[in-house]
Protein backbone atom coordinates (compact mmCIF):
# COMPACT_ATOMS: atom_id res chain seq x y z
CA UNK A 1 -41.24 123.29 34.66
CA UNK A 2 -44.92 123.72 35.46
CA UNK A 3 -46.87 126.83 33.92
CA UNK A 4 -47.39 127.92 37.76
CA UNK A 5 -43.78 127.95 38.49
CA UNK A 6 -42.96 129.76 35.22
CA UNK A 7 -45.57 132.42 35.88
CA UNK A 8 -44.29 132.85 39.60
CA UNK A 9 -40.68 133.26 38.19
CA UNK A 10 -41.89 135.71 35.59
CA UNK A 11 -43.63 137.64 38.23
CA UNK A 12 -40.62 137.68 40.44
CA UNK A 13 -38.67 138.86 37.72
CA UNK A 14 -41.10 141.85 36.97
CA UNK A 15 -40.91 142.81 40.45
CA UNK A 16 -37.10 142.90 40.55
CA UNK A 17 -36.51 144.43 37.28
CA UNK A 18 -37.50 148.03 38.00
CA UNK A 19 -35.20 147.71 41.30
CA UNK A 20 -32.31 146.44 38.94
CA UNK A 21 -33.07 149.29 36.41
CA UNK A 22 -32.95 152.02 38.95
CA UNK A 23 -29.83 150.74 40.32
CA UNK A 24 -27.96 150.65 36.67
CA UNK A 25 -29.37 154.08 35.83
CA UNK A 26 -28.51 155.67 39.27
CA UNK A 27 -25.80 157.73 37.68
CA UNK A 28 -27.71 158.80 34.56
CA UNK A 29 -30.31 161.45 34.31
CA UNK A 30 -33.76 160.40 35.29
CA UNK A 31 -36.10 159.30 32.35
CA UNK A 32 -40.01 159.19 32.35
CA UNK A 33 -41.66 156.02 32.34
CA UNK A 34 -45.31 155.52 32.16
CA UNK A 35 -47.18 153.44 34.83
CA UNK A 36 -48.35 150.20 33.05
CA UNK A 37 -50.57 147.75 35.22
CA UNK A 38 -48.83 144.52 36.13
CA UNK A 39 -51.39 142.43 34.12
CA UNK A 40 -50.48 144.46 31.12
CA UNK A 41 -46.85 143.86 31.43
CA UNK A 42 -47.39 140.20 32.26
CA UNK A 43 -49.40 139.87 29.09
CA UNK A 44 -46.76 141.43 26.91
CA UNK A 45 -44.12 139.28 28.49
CA UNK A 46 -46.02 136.08 27.97
CA UNK A 47 -46.84 137.01 24.38
CA UNK A 48 -43.39 138.10 23.57
CA UNK A 49 -42.04 134.73 24.91
CA UNK A 50 -44.74 133.05 22.87
CA UNK A 51 -43.15 134.59 19.71
CA UNK A 52 -39.35 134.54 20.81
CA UNK A 53 -39.04 131.26 22.76
CA UNK A 54 -39.84 130.19 26.24
CA UNK A 55 -36.13 130.12 27.50
CA UNK A 56 -35.61 131.66 30.76
CA UNK A 57 -33.45 134.70 29.42
CA UNK A 58 -36.48 135.61 27.47
CA UNK A 59 -38.24 136.65 30.72
CA UNK A 60 -35.52 139.26 31.33
CA UNK A 61 -35.44 140.25 27.58
CA UNK A 62 -39.16 140.61 27.03
CA UNK A 63 -39.40 142.51 30.21
CA UNK A 64 -36.88 144.69 29.37
CA UNK A 65 -38.69 145.34 26.13
CA UNK A 66 -41.87 146.43 27.77
CA UNK A 67 -39.99 148.58 30.18
CA UNK A 68 -38.71 150.40 27.03
CA UNK A 69 -42.06 150.61 25.41
CA UNK A 70 -43.39 152.10 28.85
CA UNK A 71 -40.92 154.80 28.43
CA UNK A 72 -42.27 155.87 25.24
CA UNK A 73 -45.94 155.34 25.22
CA UNK A 74 -48.65 156.08 27.74
CA UNK A 75 -50.57 152.85 28.57
CA UNK A 76 -53.72 153.68 26.58
CA UNK A 77 -51.56 154.67 23.59
CA UNK A 78 -49.73 151.39 24.03
CA UNK A 79 -53.09 149.32 23.99
CA UNK A 80 -54.25 151.17 21.06
CA UNK A 81 -51.20 150.90 19.01
CA UNK A 82 -50.41 147.29 19.93
CA UNK A 83 -54.13 146.49 18.92
CA UNK A 84 -53.81 147.95 15.73
CA UNK A 85 -50.34 146.24 15.06
CA UNK A 86 -51.79 142.93 16.20
CA UNK A 87 -54.81 143.07 13.86
CA UNK A 88 -53.54 144.94 10.84
CA UNK A 89 -53.07 141.81 8.67
CA UNK A 90 -56.73 140.81 9.56
CA UNK A 91 -58.51 140.06 6.36
CA UNK A 92 -61.93 140.60 5.09
CA UNK A 93 -64.48 143.23 6.30
CA UNK A 94 -63.65 142.67 9.94
CA UNK A 95 -60.14 144.07 9.13
CA UNK A 96 -61.21 147.23 7.42
CA UNK A 97 -60.89 149.45 10.57
CA UNK A 98 -57.36 148.03 11.07
CA UNK A 99 -56.49 149.07 7.61
CA UNK A 100 -57.32 152.90 7.65
CA UNK A 101 -54.58 155.56 7.60
CA UNK A 102 -54.82 156.33 11.27
CA UNK A 103 -54.56 152.57 12.02
CA UNK A 104 -51.64 152.43 9.62
CA UNK A 105 -49.68 155.09 11.21
CA UNK A 106 -50.33 153.80 14.81
CA UNK A 107 -49.13 150.26 13.53
CA UNK A 108 -45.91 151.72 12.11
CA UNK A 109 -45.16 153.84 15.41
CA UNK A 110 -45.79 150.85 17.51
CA UNK A 111 -43.55 148.47 15.38
CA UNK A 112 -40.85 151.13 15.27
CA UNK A 113 -40.86 151.46 19.01
CA UNK A 114 -41.03 147.69 19.58
CA UNK A 115 -38.17 146.88 17.18
CA UNK A 116 -35.93 149.60 19.06
CA UNK A 117 -36.95 148.01 22.41
CA UNK A 118 -35.90 144.56 21.09
CA UNK A 119 -32.82 145.81 19.64
CA UNK A 120 -31.91 147.38 23.04
CA UNK A 121 -32.79 144.30 24.92
CA UNK A 122 -31.32 141.70 22.88
CA UNK A 123 -34.77 139.92 21.88
CA UNK A 124 -34.19 137.98 18.76
CA UNK A 125 -36.88 135.92 16.95
CA UNK A 126 -37.00 132.22 17.39
CA UNK A 127 -36.08 129.88 14.72
CA UNK A 128 -38.96 128.59 12.88
CA UNK A 129 -39.76 125.15 13.69
């Protein structure tokens, strides 16, 4: 498959996923979900697939995970917490600001939410190569 084809499939899946989720939840109480820009969702799904495998099932699993995260965090909080989480292991002086108490709390919160989202959506880490 070409990269362009994969991105089109991903975008199509992201467009259909909310409709499927609404249909599945129609019998349940409405839950709040924050509005994330499409670019932010696509970047998350592509990164999730980079970490967990590029098989087609992970398009749906990773899309599900960002939907769960969007239910828990406003977009600006997501960006901040995800950034702290991503760079928390950055060494040297450049990583100091990602190791202060506030950053550690943000990292812990994001990883907790992401772990729950992965569990709920069936995302499993790819085997090490």
